[in-house]
Amino acid sequence: MVKVIQQKNVIRVGKEPVVILSLREWRKVEKSLEDLEESLRFNVAYKETRGKKMTSLESLKKKYKL
């Protein structure tokens, strides 16, 4: 059951509120999340290799799936 609450512009499916975005906006959100995930993987790779022998960028990309 879908219920639209007019005063608050909120759509509920059951008890959960739902957000509706245009495809363009959703793609921006997806891109931001992918960038964040890539940054997190890079930070892990950097912390693990700090102070160690230099490693090539290609081997880091393969190891951390970047």
Protein backbone atom coordinates (compact mmCIF):
# COMPACT_ATOMS: atom_id res chain seq x y z
CA MET A 1 0.00 0.00 0.00
CA VAL A 2 1.35 3.42 -0.99
CA LYS A 3 0.23 6.46 0.94
CA VAL A 4 1.11 10.04 -0.01
CA ILE A 5 1.14 12.56 2.83
CA GLN A 6 0.37 15.88 1.14
CA GLN A 7 1.61 18.33 3.78
CA LYS A 8 5.08 16.81 4.04
CA ASN A 9 5.70 15.53 0.48
CA VAL A 10 6.49 12.11 1.96
CA ILE A 11 5.58 8.85 0.29
CA ARG A 12 5.31 5.78 2.46
CA VAL A 13 5.35 2.16 1.42
CA GLY A 14 3.99 0.40 4.46
CA LYS A 15 5.63 2.18 7.41
CA GLU A 16 8.85 3.11 5.60
CA PRO A 17 9.29 6.52 3.95
CA VAL A 18 10.49 6.35 0.34
CA VAL A 19 12.57 8.81 -1.67
CA ILE A 20 11.93 9.18 -5.37
CA LEU A 21 14.75 10.62 -7.49
CA SER A 22 15.17 11.26 -11.16
CA LEU A 23 17.56 8.89 -12.90
CA ARG A 24 20.03 11.75 -13.36
CA GLU A 25 20.07 12.46 -9.62
CA TRP A 26 20.36 8.74 -8.77
CA ARG A 27 23.39 8.42 -11.07
CA LYS A 28 25.05 11.33 -9.23
CA VAL A 29 24.45 9.53 -5.92
CA GLU A 30 25.86 6.28 -7.35
CA LYS A 31 28.95 8.06 -8.66
CA SER A 32 29.55 9.71 -5.28
CA LEU A 33 29.27 6.37 -3.50
CA GLU A 34 31.67 4.72 -5.95
CA ASP A 35 34.17 7.56 -5.45
CA LEU A 36 33.88 7.18 -1.68
CA GLU A 37 34.46 3.42 -1.86
CA GLU A 38 37.51 3.95 -4.07
CA SER A 39 38.91 6.51 -1.62
CA LEU A 40 38.43 4.14 1.28
CA ARG A 41 40.22 1.31 -0.55
CA PHE A 42 43.06 3.71 -1.41
CA ASN A 43 43.40 4.77 2.25
CA VAL A 44 43.60 1.14 3.38
CA ALA A 45 46.23 0.42 0.74
CA TYR A 46 48.23 3.50 1.74
CA LYS A 47 48.17 2.67 5.46
CA GLU A 48 49.24 -0.92 4.83
CA THR A 49 52.20 0.08 2.66
CA ARG A 50 53.48 3.07 4.64
CA GLY A 51 57.11 2.61 5.63
CA LYS A 52 57.54 -0.46 3.42
CA LYS A 53 59.37 -0.99 0.19
CA MET A 54 57.80 0.92 -2.70
CA THR A 55 55.14 -0.98 -4.66
CA SER A 56 54.05 -0.23 -8.19
CA LEU A 57 50.71 1.41 -8.74
CA GLU A 58 49.58 -1.45 -10.96
CA SER A 59 50.21 -4.07 -8.28
CA LEU A 60 48.30 -1.94 -5.73
CA LYS A 61 45.40 -1.59 -8.14
CA LYS A 62 45.29 -5.36 -8.62
CA LYS A 63 45.61 -6.10 -4.90
CA TYR A 64 42.88 -3.65 -3.84
CA LYS A 65 40.74 -3.94 -6.97
CA LEU A 66 40.99 -0.25 -7.86
